Amino acid sequence: MKKQNKKAQDDKLLLLDVMGQIVKEKRKALNKGILLLSYEYDIPSSSIAQLEKGKRDVQISTLWKLVNALGMNFTDFIDEVNARLPEGFKLTED
């Protein structure tokens, strides 16, 4: 049981890291700082900063709002996350 919990925790950390990388890259491509993005789209700056560091598991509604603020639709974001995850990593169970 502990081994399964460790794998689930490792998978979660990897997923958060990949999502954070994408958010940071897209934000920088827009040439926007965290504070400006936070102000313009009413998203807490701490949420953005912690997500970019892979340290925050945000609510899906916040992630959806952030992804839209970055000029992406949610499906494209999930596709990009999936493409960056290692082969064999599953976002959902079969």
PDB file of N, CA and C in Angstrom:
ATOM      1  N   MET A   1       0.819  -1.202   0.000  1.00  0.00           N
ATOM      2  CA  MET A   1       0.000   0.000   0.000  1.00  0.00           C
ATOM      3  C   MET A   1       0.860   1.262   0.000  1.00  0.00           C
ATOM      4  N   LYS A   2       1.940   1.272   0.801  1.00  0.00           N
ATOM      5  CA  LYS A   2       2.801   2.454   0.866  1.00  0.00           C
ATOM      6  C   LYS A   2       3.460   2.741  -0.472  1.00  0.00           C
ATOM      7  N   LYS A   3       3.856   1.684  -1.192  1.00  0.00           N
ATOM      8  CA  LYS A   3       4.498   1.855  -2.485  1.00  0.00           C
ATOM      9  C   LYS A   3       3.541   2.532  -3.474  1.00  0.00           C
ATOM     10  N   GLN A   4       2.269   2.149  -3.435  1.00  0.00           N
ATOM     11  CA  GLN A   4       1.270   2.749  -4.314  1.00  0.00           C
ATOM     12  C   GLN A   4       1.061   4.224  -3.952  1.00  0.00           C
ATOM     13  N   ASN A   5       1.025   4.551  -2.665  1.00  0.00           N
ATOM     14  CA  ASN A   5       0.871   5.939  -2.233  1.00  0.00           C
ATOM     15  C   ASN A   5       2.064   6.778  -2.661  1.00  0.00           C
ATOM     16  N   LYS A   6       3.275   6.231  -2.591  1.00  0.00           N
ATOM     17  CA  LYS A   6       4.490   6.936  -3.007  1.00  0.00           C
ATOM     18  C   LYS A   6       4.426   7.234  -4.495  1.00  0.00           C
ATOM     19  N   LYS A   7       4.013   6.258  -5.285  1.00  0.00           N
ATOM     20  CA  LYS A   7       3.903   6.466  -6.734  1.00  0.00           C
ATOM     21  C   LYS A   7       2.863   7.541  -7.042  1.00  0.00           C
ATOM     22  N   ALA A   8       1.733   7.496  -6.372  1.00  0.00           N
ATOM     23  CA  ALA A   8       0.686   8.499  -6.588  1.00  0.00           C
ATOM     24  C   ALA A   8       1.203   9.887  -6.226  1.00  0.00           C
ATOM     25  N   GLN A   9       1.936   9.992  -5.136  1.00  0.00           N
ATOM     26  CA  GLN A   9       2.496  11.281  -4.731  1.00  0.00           C
ATOM     27  C   GLN A   9       3.536  11.758  -5.736  1.00  0.00           C
ATOM     28  N   ASP A  10       4.400  10.855  -6.202  1.00  0.00           N
ATOM     29  CA  ASP A  10       5.403  11.215  -7.207  1.00  0.00           C
ATOM     30  C   ASP A  10       4.742  11.658  -8.510  1.00  0.00           C
ATOM     31  N   ASP A  11       3.690  10.957  -8.913  1.00  0.00           N
ATOM     32  CA  ASP A  11       2.958  11.325 -10.131  1.00  0.00           C
ATOM     33  C   ASP A  11       2.329  12.711  -9.985  1.00  0.00           C
ATOM     34  N   LYS A  12       1.773  12.992  -8.822  1.00  0.00           N
ATOM     35  CA  LYS A  12       1.164  14.294  -8.582  1.00  0.00           C
ATOM     36  C   LYS A  12       2.204  15.399  -8.671  1.00  0.00           C
ATOM     37  N   LEU A  13       3.366  15.187  -8.061  1.00  0.00           N
ATOM     38  CA  LEU A  13       4.435  16.192  -8.106  1.00  0.00           C
ATOM     39  C   LEU A  13       4.916  16.434  -9.529  1.00  0.00           C
ATOM     40  N   LEU A  14       5.033  15.371 -10.303  1.00  0.00           N
ATOM     41  CA  LEU A  14       5.434  15.499 -11.696  1.00  0.00           C
ATOM     42  C   LEU A  14       4.393  16.289 -12.487  1.00  0.00           C
ATOM     43  N   LEU A  15       3.144  15.970 -12.283  1.00  0.00           N
ATOM     44  CA  LEU A  15       2.062  16.666 -12.969  1.00  0.00           C
ATOM     45  C   LEU A  15       2.056  18.157 -12.621  1.00  0.00           C
ATOM     46  N   LEU A  16       2.188  18.474 -11.346  1.00  0.00           N
ATOM     47  CA  LEU A  16       2.218  19.874 -10.923  1.00  0.00           C
ATOM     48  C   LEU A  16       3.417  20.609 -11.514  1.00  0.00           C
ATOM     49  N   ASP A  17       4.551  19.932 -11.579  1.00  0.00           N
ATOM     50  CA  ASP A  17       5.750  20.537 -12.149  1.00  0.00           C
ATOM     51  C   ASP A  17       5.556  20.866 -13.628  1.00  0.00           C
ATOM     52  N   VAL A  18       5.001  19.932 -14.375  1.00  0.00           N
ATOM     53  CA  VAL A  18       4.767  20.143 -15.803  1.00  0.00           C
ATOM     54  C   VAL A  18       3.759  21.276 -16.027  1.00  0.00           C
ATOM     55  N   MET A  19       2.684  21.277 -15.259  1.00  0.00           N
ATOM     56  CA  MET A  19       1.696  22.356 -15.406  1.00  0.00           C
ATOM     57  C   MET A  19       2.341  23.709 -15.092  1.00  0.00           C
ATOM     58  N   GLY A  20       3.148  23.753 -14.055  1.00  0.00           N
ATOM     59  CA  GLY A  20       3.817  24.994 -13.681  1.00  0.00           C
ATOM     60  C   GLY A  20       4.763  25.494 -14.762  1.00  0.00           C
ATOM     61  N   GLN A  21       5.493  24.589 -15.372  1.00  0.00           N
ATOM     62  CA  GLN A  21       6.403  24.967 -16.454  1.00  0.00           C
ATOM     63  C   GLN A  21       5.631  25.605 -17.608  1.00  0.00           C
ATOM     64  N   ILE A  22       4.537  24.998 -17.982  1.00  0.00           N
ATOM     65  CA  ILE A  22       3.740  25.514 -19.093  1.00  0.00           C
ATOM     66  C   ILE A  22       3.182  26.891 -18.760  1.00  0.00           C
ATOM     67  N   VAL A  23       2.619  27.045 -17.572  1.00  0.00           N
ATOM     68  CA  VAL A  23       2.056  28.334 -17.171  1.00  0.00           C
ATOM     69  C   VAL A  23       3.135  29.411 -17.209  1.00  0.00           C
ATOM     70  N   LYS A  24       4.294  29.109 -16.659  1.00  0.00           N
ATOM     71  CA  LYS A  24       5.389  30.094 -16.626  1.00  0.00           C
ATOM     72  C   LYS A  24       5.841  30.464 -18.041  1.00  0.00           C
ATOM     73  N   GLU A  25       6.012  29.464 -18.891  1.00  0.00           N
ATOM     74  CA  GLU A  25       6.428  29.722 -20.272  1.00  0.00           C
ATOM     75  C   GLU A  25       5.413  30.597 -21.007  1.00  0.00           C
ATOM     76  N   LYS A  26       4.138  30.264 -20.878  1.00  0.00           N
ATOM     77  CA  LYS A  26       3.100  31.020 -21.576  1.00  0.00           C
ATOM     78  C   LYS A  26       3.000  32.449 -21.034  1.00  0.00           C
ATOM     79  N   ARG A  27       3.123  32.602 -19.720  1.00  0.00           N
ATOM     80  CA  ARG A  27       3.063  33.939 -19.118  1.00  0.00           C
ATOM     81  C   ARG A  27       4.232  34.791 -19.610  1.00  0.00           C
ATOM     82  N   LYS A  28       5.416  34.209 -19.630  1.00  0.00           N
ATOM     83  CA  LYS A  28       6.590  34.955 -20.082  1.00  0.00           C
ATOM     84  C   LYS A  28       6.493  35.291 -21.573  1.00  0.00           C
ATOM     85  N   ALA A  29       5.916  34.380 -22.352  1.00  0.00           N
ATOM     86  CA  ALA A  29       5.733  34.643 -23.785  1.00  0.00           C
ATOM     87  C   ALA A  29       4.814  35.841 -24.013  1.00  0.00           C
ATOM     88  N   LEU A  30       3.890  36.064 -23.070  1.00  0.00           N
ATOM     89  CA  LEU A  30       2.998  37.227 -23.142  1.00  0.00           C
ATOM     90  C   LEU A  30       3.662  38.476 -22.569  1.00  0.00           C
ATOM     91  N   ASN A  31       4.868  38.294 -22.035  1.00  0.00           N
ATOM     92  CA  ASN A  31       5.623  39.389 -21.430  1.00  0.00           C
ATOM     93  C   ASN A  31       4.853  40.030 -20.271  1.00  0.00           C
ATOM     94  N   LYS A  32       4.291  39.169 -19.428  1.00  0.00           N
ATOM     95  CA  LYS A  32       3.520  39.643 -18.279  1.00  0.00           C
ATOM     96  C   LYS A  32       4.134  39.106 -16.992  1.00  0.00           C
ATOM     97  N   GLY A  33       4.191  39.961 -16.004  1.00  0.00           N
ATOM     98  CA  GLY A  33       4.614  39.520 -14.689  1.00  0.00           C
ATOM     99  C   GLY A  33       3.460  38.871 -13.956  1.00  0.00           C
ATOM    100  N   ILE A  34       3.799  38.198 -12.894  1.00  0.00           N
ATOM    101  CA  ILE A  34       2.778  37.521 -12.095  1.00  0.00           C
ATOM    102  C   ILE A  34       1.776  38.523 -11.538  1.00  0.00           C
ATOM    103  N   LEU A  35       2.272  39.651 -11.030  1.00  0.00           N
ATOM    104  CA  LEU A  35       1.368  40.635 -10.422  1.00  0.00           C
ATOM    105  C   LEU A  35       0.393  41.221 -11.436  1.00  0.00           C
ATOM    106  N   LEU A  36       0.879  41.522 -12.635  1.00  0.00           N
ATOM    107  CA  LEU A  36       0.000  42.073 -13.664  1.00  0.00           C
ATOM    108  C   LEU A  36      -1.067  41.058 -14.072  1.00  0.00           C
ATOM    109  N   LEU A  37      -0.646  39.836 -14.309  1.00  0.00           N
ATOM    110  CA  LEU A  37      -1.600  38.786 -14.692  1.00  0.00           C
ATOM    111  C   LEU A  37      -2.625  38.582 -13.581  1.00  0.00           C
ATOM    112  N   SER A  38      -2.143  38.584 -12.363  1.00  0.00           N
ATOM    113  CA  SER A  38      -3.017  38.431 -11.204  1.00  0.00           C
ATOM    114  C   SER A  38      -4.062  39.539 -11.150  1.00  0.00           C
ATOM    115  N   TYR A  39      -3.616  40.754 -11.340  1.00  0.00           N
ATOM    116  CA  TYR A  39      -4.508  41.914 -11.282  1.00  0.00           C
ATOM    117  C   TYR A  39      -5.527  41.892 -12.421  1.00  0.00           C
ATOM    118  N   GLU A  40      -5.043  41.643 -13.638  1.00  0.00           N
ATOM    119  CA  GLU A  40      -5.919  41.684 -14.814  1.00  0.00           C
ATOM    120  C   GLU A  40      -7.012  40.610 -14.787  1.00  0.00           C
ATOM    121  N   TYR A  41      -6.718  39.467 -14.209  1.00  0.00           N
ATOM    122  CA  TYR A  41      -7.664  38.349 -14.288  1.00  0.00           C
ATOM    123  C   TYR A  41      -8.191  37.901 -12.927  1.00  0.00           C
ATOM    124  N   ASP A  42      -7.917  38.684 -11.896  1.00  0.00           N
ATOM    125  CA  ASP A  42      -8.433  38.412 -10.556  1.00  0.00           C
ATOM    126  C   ASP A  42      -8.094  36.989 -10.092  1.00  0.00           C
ATOM    127  N   ILE A  43      -6.805  36.663 -10.225  1.00  0.00           N
ATOM    128  CA  ILE A  43      -6.283  35.392  -9.759  1.00  0.00           C
ATOM    129  C   ILE A  43      -5.222  35.729  -8.715  1.00  0.00           C
ATOM    130  N   PRO A  44      -5.287  35.152  -7.536  1.00  0.00           N
ATOM    131  CA  PRO A  44      -4.285  35.479  -6.525  1.00  0.00           C
ATOM    132  C   PRO A  44      -2.856  35.253  -7.034  1.00  0.00           C
ATOM    133  N   SER A  45      -2.008  36.261  -6.848  1.00  0.00           N
ATOM    134  CA  SER A  45      -0.626  36.143  -7.321  1.00  0.00           C
ATOM    135  C   SER A  45       0.091  34.973  -6.650  1.00  0.00           C
ATOM    136  N   SER A  46      -0.255  34.703  -5.398  1.00  0.00           N
ATOM    137  CA  SER A  46       0.377  33.577  -4.708  1.00  0.00           C
ATOM    138  C   SER A  46       0.014  32.252  -5.381  1.00  0.00           C
ATOM    139  N   SER A  47      -1.203  32.149  -5.889  1.00  0.00           N
ATOM    140  CA  SER A  47      -1.609  30.928  -6.595  1.00  0.00           C
ATOM    141  C   SER A  47      -0.790  30.737  -7.858  1.00  0.00           C
ATOM    142  N   ILE A  48      -0.604  31.820  -8.605  1.00  0.00           N
ATOM    143  CA  ILE A  48       0.174  31.741  -9.850  1.00  0.00           C
ATOM    144  C   ILE A  48       1.626  31.385  -9.538  1.00  0.00           C
ATOM    145  N   ALA A  49       2.218  32.089  -8.589  1.00  0.00           N
ATOM    146  CA  ALA A  49       3.624  31.864  -8.247  1.00  0.00           C
ATOM    147  C   ALA A  49       3.853  30.430  -7.760  1.00  0.00           C
ATOM    148  N   GLN A  50       2.999  29.957  -6.873  1.00  0.00           N
ATOM    149  CA  GLN A  50       3.163  28.612  -6.338  1.00  0.00           C
ATOM    150  C   GLN A  50       2.900  27.547  -7.404  1.00  0.00           C
ATOM    151  N   LEU A  51       1.950  27.794  -8.291  1.00  0.00           N
ATOM    152  CA  LEU A  51       1.688  26.854  -9.383  1.00  0.00           C
ATOM    153  C   LEU A  51       2.906  26.767 -10.301  1.00  0.00           C
ATOM    154  N   GLU A  52       3.477  27.913 -10.645  1.00  0.00           N
ATOM    155  CA  GLU A  52       4.647  27.923 -11.526  1.00  0.00           C
ATOM    156  C   GLU A  52       5.820  27.157 -10.917  1.00  0.00           C
ATOM    157  N   LYS A  53       5.909  27.122  -9.611  1.00  0.00           N
ATOM    158  CA  LYS A  53       6.981  26.399  -8.927  1.00  0.00           C
ATOM    159  C   LYS A  53       6.647  24.926  -8.723  1.00  0.00           C
ATOM    160  N   GLY A  54       5.431  24.528  -9.118  1.00  0.00           N
ATOM    161  CA  GLY A  54       5.015  23.146  -8.931  1.00  0.00           C
ATOM    162  C   GLY A  54       4.667  22.831  -7.493  1.00  0.00           C
ATOM    163  N   LYS A  55       4.373  23.865  -6.726  1.00  0.00           N
ATOM    164  CA  LYS A  55       4.114  23.696  -5.292  1.00  0.00           C
ATOM    165  C   LYS A  55       2.644  23.833  -4.913  1.00  0.00           C
ATOM    166  N   ARG A  56       1.795  24.148  -5.873  1.00  0.00           N
ATOM    167  CA  ARG A  56       0.395  24.427  -5.547  1.00  0.00           C
ATOM    168  C   ARG A  56      -0.523  23.603  -6.423  1.00  0.00           C
ATOM    169  N   ASP A  57      -1.444  22.936  -5.808  1.00  0.00           N
ATOM    170  CA  ASP A  57      -2.469  22.185  -6.504  1.00  0.00           C
ATOM    171  C   ASP A  57      -3.711  23.076  -6.509  1.00  0.00           C
ATOM    172  N   VAL A  58      -3.914  23.806  -7.594  1.00  0.00           N
ATOM    173  CA  VAL A  58      -4.996  24.794  -7.647  1.00  0.00           C
ATOM    174  C   VAL A  58      -6.319  24.132  -8.008  1.00  0.00           C
ATOM    175  N   GLN A  59      -7.390  24.828  -7.681  1.00  0.00           N
ATOM    176  CA  GLN A  59      -8.715  24.350  -8.075  1.00  0.00           C
ATOM    177  C   GLN A  59      -8.825  24.400  -9.588  1.00  0.00           C
ATOM    178  N   ILE A  60      -9.617  23.515 -10.117  1.00  0.00           N
ATOM    179  CA  ILE A  60      -9.764  23.448 -11.571  1.00  0.00           C
ATOM    180  C   ILE A  60     -10.347  24.749 -12.125  1.00  0.00           C
ATOM    181  N   SER A  61     -11.212  25.414 -11.372  1.00  0.00           N
ATOM    182  CA  SER A  61     -11.779  26.686 -11.849  1.00  0.00           C
ATOM    183  C   SER A  61     -10.695  27.767 -11.938  1.00  0.00           C
ATOM    184  N   THR A  62      -9.759  27.768 -11.011  1.00  0.00           N
ATOM    185  CA  THR A  62      -8.650  28.723 -11.060  1.00  0.00           C
ATOM    186  C   THR A  62      -7.730  28.396 -12.223  1.00  0.00           C
ATOM    187  N   LEU A  63      -7.457  27.120 -12.419  1.00  0.00           N
ATOM    188  CA  LEU A  63      -6.609  26.709 -13.536  1.00  0.00           C
ATOM    189  C   LEU A  63      -7.263  27.071 -14.866  1.00  0.00           C
ATOM    190  N   TRP A  64      -8.566  26.855 -14.970  1.00  0.00           N
ATOM    191  CA  TRP A  64      -9.286  27.203 -16.201  1.00  0.00           C
ATOM    192  C   TRP A  64      -9.180  28.704 -16.469  1.00  0.00           C
ATOM    193  N   LYS A  65      -9.383  29.508 -15.444  1.00  0.00           N
ATOM    194  CA  LYS A  65      -9.293  30.961 -15.590  1.00  0.00           C
ATOM    195  C   LYS A  65      -7.878  31.374 -16.001  1.00  0.00           C
ATOM    196  N   LEU A  66      -6.884  30.773 -15.387  1.00  0.00           N
ATOM    197  CA  LEU A  66      -5.496  31.096 -15.696  1.00  0.00           C
ATOM    198  C   LEU A  66      -5.123  30.691 -17.117  1.00  0.00           C
ATOM    199  N   VAL A  67      -5.530  29.517 -17.509  1.00  0.00           N
ATOM    200  CA  VAL A  67      -5.243  29.037 -18.866  1.00  0.00           C
ATOM    201  C   VAL A  67      -5.871  29.969 -19.905  1.00  0.00           C
ATOM    202  N   ASN A  68      -7.091  30.391 -19.659  1.00  0.00           N
ATOM    203  CA  ASN A  68      -7.737  31.334 -20.573  1.00  0.00           C
ATOM    204  C   ASN A  68      -7.011  32.677 -20.578  1.00  0.00           C
ATOM    205  N   ALA A  69      -6.541  33.126 -19.429  1.00  0.00           N
ATOM    206  CA  ALA A  69      -5.786  34.378 -19.338  1.00  0.00           C
ATOM    207  C   ALA A  69      -4.493  34.297 -20.148  1.00  0.00           C
ATOM    208  N   LEU A  70      -3.975  33.091 -20.306  1.00  0.00           N
ATOM    209  CA  LEU A  70      -2.745  32.887 -21.072  1.00  0.00           C
ATOM    210  C   LEU A  70      -3.017  32.693 -22.564  1.00  0.00           C
ATOM    211  N   GLY A  71      -4.280  32.834 -22.960  1.00  0.00           N
ATOM    212  CA  GLY A  71      -4.634  32.750 -24.372  1.00  0.00           C
ATOM    213  C   GLY A  71      -4.796  31.340 -24.895  1.00  0.00           C
ATOM    214  N   MET A  72      -5.002  30.393 -24.005  1.00  0.00           N
ATOM    215  CA  MET A  72      -5.191  29.001 -24.413  1.00  0.00           C
ATOM    216  C   MET A  72      -6.600  28.567 -24.052  1.00  0.00           C
ATOM    217  N   ASN A  73      -7.068  27.516 -24.720  1.00  0.00           N
ATOM    218  CA  ASN A  73      -8.284  26.905 -24.215  1.00  0.00           C
ATOM    219  C   ASN A  73      -7.863  25.709 -23.368  1.00  0.00           C
ATOM    220  N   PHE A  74      -8.745  25.272 -22.511  1.00  0.00           N
ATOM    221  CA  PHE A  74      -8.392  24.261 -21.520  1.00  0.00           C
ATOM    222  C   PHE A  74      -7.968  22.946 -22.174  1.00  0.00           C
ATOM    223  N   THR A  75      -8.621  22.579 -23.248  1.00  0.00           N
ATOM    224  CA  THR A  75      -8.283  21.330 -23.940  1.00  0.00           C
ATOM    225  C   THR A  75      -6.858  21.376 -24.475  1.00  0.00           C
ATOM    226  N   ASP A  76      -6.460  22.499 -25.065  1.00  0.00           N
ATOM    227  CA  ASP A  76      -5.094  22.635 -25.578  1.00  0.00           C
ATOM    228  C   ASP A  76      -4.072  22.559 -24.445  1.00  0.00           C
ATOM    229  N   PHE A  77      -4.421  23.158 -23.304  1.00  0.00           N
ATOM    230  CA  PHE A  77      -3.523  23.102 -22.152  1.00  0.00           C
ATOM    231  C   PHE A  77      -3.326  21.655 -21.700  1.00  0.00           C
ATOM    232  N   ILE A  78      -4.418  20.924 -21.555  1.00  0.00           N
ATOM    233  CA  ILE A  78      -4.332  19.527 -21.124  1.00  0.00           C
ATOM    234  C   ILE A  78      -3.549  18.699 -22.145  1.00  0.00           C
ATOM    235  N   ASP A  79      -3.762  18.964 -23.429  1.00  0.00           N
ATOM    236  CA  ASP A  79      -3.004  18.251 -24.468  1.00  0.00           C
ATOM    237  C   ASP A  79      -1.511  18.533 -24.341  1.00  0.00           C
ATOM    238  N   GLU A  80      -1.156  19.785 -24.048  1.00  0.00           N
ATOM    239  CA  GLU A  80       0.261  20.129 -23.886  1.00  0.00           C
ATOM    240  C   GLU A  80       0.841  19.474 -22.643  1.00  0.00           C
ATOM    241  N   VAL A  81       0.090  19.461 -21.566  1.00  0.00           N
ATOM    242  CA  VAL A  81       0.541  18.775 -20.350  1.00  0.00           C
ATOM    243  C   VAL A  81       0.787  17.308 -20.674  1.00  0.00           C
ATOM    244  N   ASN A  82      -0.169  16.679 -21.313  1.00  0.00           N
ATOM    245  CA  ASN A  82      -0.058  15.262 -21.648  1.00  0.00           C
ATOM    246  C   ASN A  82       1.155  14.986 -22.533  1.00  0.00           C
ATOM    247  N   ALA A  83       1.426  15.877 -23.490  1.00  0.00           N
ATOM    248  CA  ALA A  83       2.559  15.691 -24.395  1.00  0.00           C
ATOM    249  C   ALA A  83       3.900  15.783 -23.663  1.00  0.00           C
ATOM    250  N   ARG A  84       3.952  16.522 -22.576  1.00  0.00           N
ATOM    251  CA  ARG A  84       5.202  16.698 -21.834  1.00  0.00           C
ATOM    252  C   ARG A  84       5.426  15.649 -20.751  1.00  0.00           C
ATOM    253  N   LEU A  85       4.410  14.913 -20.439  1.00  0.00           N
ATOM    254  CA  LEU A  85       4.557  13.874 -19.424  1.00  0.00           C
ATOM    255  C   LEU A  85       5.285  12.677 -20.027  1.00  0.00           C
ATOM    256  N   PRO A  86       5.989  11.917 -19.200  1.00  0.00           N
ATOM    257  CA  PRO A  86       6.725  10.761 -19.725  1.00  0.00           C
ATOM    258  C   PRO A  86       5.789   9.738 -20.365  1.00  0.00           C
ATOM    259  N   GLU A  87       6.341   8.993 -21.293  1.00  0.00           N
ATOM    260  CA  GLU A  87       5.559   7.947 -21.948  1.00  0.00           C
ATOM    261  C   GLU A  87       5.054   6.970 -20.887  1.00  0.00           C
ATOM    262  N   GLY A  88       3.802   6.613 -20.996  1.00  0.00           N
ATOM    263  CA  GLY A  88       3.207   5.690 -20.049  1.00  0.00           C
ATOM    264  C   GLY A  88       2.515   6.367 -18.877  1.00  0.00           C
ATOM    265  N   PHE A  89       2.744   7.668 -18.706  1.00  0.00           N
ATOM    266  CA  PHE A  89       2.060   8.404 -17.642  1.00  0.00           C
ATOM    267  C   PHE A  89       0.616   8.580 -18.059  1.00  0.00           C
ATOM    268  N   LYS A  90      -0.291   8.324 -17.138  1.00  0.00           N
ATOM    269  CA  LYS A  90      -1.715   8.426 -17.470  1.00  0.00           C
ATOM    270  C   LYS A  90      -2.374   9.505 -16.622  1.00  0.00           C
ATOM    271  N   LEU A  91      -3.065  10.420 -17.282  1.00  0.00           N
ATOM    272  CA  LEU A  91      -3.838  11.423 -16.565  1.00  0.00           C
ATOM    273  C   LEU A  91      -5.095  10.817 -15.995  1.00  0.00           C
ATOM    274  N   THR A  92      -5.606   9.784 -16.618  1.00  0.00           N
ATOM    275  CA  THR A  92      -6.799   9.095 -16.127  1.00  0.00           C
ATOM    276  C   THR A  92      -6.542   7.599 -16.128  1.00  0.00           C
ATOM    277  N   GLU A  93      -7.253   6.914 -15.309  1.00  0.00           N
ATOM    278  CA  GLU A  93      -7.160   5.456 -15.255  1.00  0.00           C
ATOM    279  C   GLU A  93      -8.097   4.853 -16.298  1.00  0.00           C
ATOM    280  N   ASP A  94      -7.683   3.759 -16.875  1.00  0.00           N
ATOM    281  CA  ASP A  94      -8.531   3.060 -17.860  1.00  0.00           C
ATOM    282  C   ASP A  94      -9.626   2.309 -17.179  1.00  0.00           C
TER     283      ASP A  94
END
